């Protein structure tokens, strides 16, 4: 039994018995294998933050840890104060103990990096030789080491003095305090210099992220989440001239919607229609590994005919056109043509043999071949239907959230009208976020705007109904952004739900509300639901490649007949609740009747009633 340490003033014994008869044992697991286990390539490295107390090391390192973790990069921060609570609790602040403190941390950081993590070390580490030793043990083991000098003036650090340490040091209550009566030796050739007194936290993070990307440690998707595919204005004329020389493929309206999705960056990091490798990864793994490991559950492909295949075979570029006037839409670079195995795709994507399914039916009527390749898109897709103002790109939405100073963005995708039960869930989510400490959570109300089946409520009607909801204050206009998600609807159940969630990451959403049977439909022949109503939510909770998105569970809302309003269903009191189905809602609207008071905002109900009493709705 060793001596018991029962006082904080315990000092290490000066006599240290060093280990003998030890031999380093090499692991059978390679670093490449560790990278595969982590779902990516090996990224192990150490980012070493050094600077005075109060310089901002912890703020930046923890901010970077949060940023990387939200993008699926395995990382961990070793912070000076935290480590002295455990591993180095026996060390003081003499020069010798400080050297030993950094030696231990250097070794621990090397182990973390060797395991494949991005290790973020945040220590004053005042002595150059100690930092140089930490670098040596990394580089001798083939591990990248990035020294980050958090260069903040002493007077700024004293002004911050969040722990009150400088004040105590000035009063002589603390001896050997770095910057006051103990020297700090600034790095002579740091890899990065952060000026926290002059730059924001976000600007400092960007510096470090850009450096790690340039070193090949981080993938493109971590540096730039949104990958737009538009041709730069300076190259537009030459691209148009080239287009006149190319073989053409005519797009359908559905194809054009997918071009919009790709060009605006919703499917980042995809750079165009999927090549066969991307397609197989998607069908069999629901992933894309072009830049890191990113969830991609639905194929984004361009079917072409046998005739098109014969015409464009072996071409280095192909022009995509749309409409009777064959307007040039995009150039496909280095095209790849491969077989469109519709039956395999049907079973993989929809998980059912159902050729009467409306999207599956369109798929079988499309071409027998798929055309993949990088896209250079001439112009932003516009539909000129009076709704283009709501078709905002991911980058535009990010700018809007920034302008509103949103510190949390939660998305709610829907393809149906909003009733007060939906609104209750959205407002409850906002309240929960505020309780967690967020100051300005903003709702992205994001109805799907691409192709939908014939009996769904058309997009213009849904948008008008959503606007009425906002006008009546059911949802707060100040904390709600209404925009259109341009994707077509595939009704592919849990498979498609992952796509809906993943795409919202591009515009900066951190939280995603998923509802009941969010991408399902009844079987066209049997009338039974194709998918379990809860499986979309459950699959999304464990979907790979979505680490930066937190799933908000859907609470079932029903009409409380006692309170005369929508409320969360209480299974202990089933008799007081009434479920108003979509079928009943449509019947009431079609017959010109009113729903129970409190079910839907009156002005929003008028929009629906007007639609369902119209000729187009009667026909459908």
Foldseek 3Di string as FASTA:
>chain_A
DDDDDDDLPDADDPDDDDDPPDDDDDDPQQQQNLQVVLQAGQQQAEEEEAAAQQLCLVVLLVVLCLLCLLQSAAEDEAEDVVCCVPVVVNADQDPVSLLVSLVVVLVVSLVCSSSRHHYYYRDNSQDPVSVVVSCVVQVVVVHYYAYEYSDEDPVNSVVPCVVCPVVCVVVVNDPQHDPRHHDGDGDPDGNHYHYPVVDPSVVRSLRVVVSSVVVVSAWPCSNAVFDAQEDDPVCQVVVVVVQVVFAEDEDDQQLVLLVLCQRLRLPPPDQKADDPVQVVCQLPPQWDRPTGTAGHNAHSWDFAAPVVCVVCPPPQKYFYAYDPVRHTFKIFGRKDKDFDPLVSNCCRQQVDDACPQVLSVVVVVTHGMTIIGGIHTHDNDDDPPPAVVQADGLVRLLVVCVVLVFPAEEEEEAQAADWLLNLVQVVVVVVVVVVVPTDAYAYEDEYEQEADDLLGDHPVLRVVLVVVCCVVPSDPPSRYRYHYDSHHQDQRFLSVLLSVLSSVVSNPHQEYEDAFRRRWAARPPPRHISDHRCVNLVCNCPPPNRSSHHYDYDFDWFQQQVVQAIDGDDPVCNVRTDHQDPVNLLVCLCVVHDDGPHTHDPVSSVSSSVVSVDPSNVVD
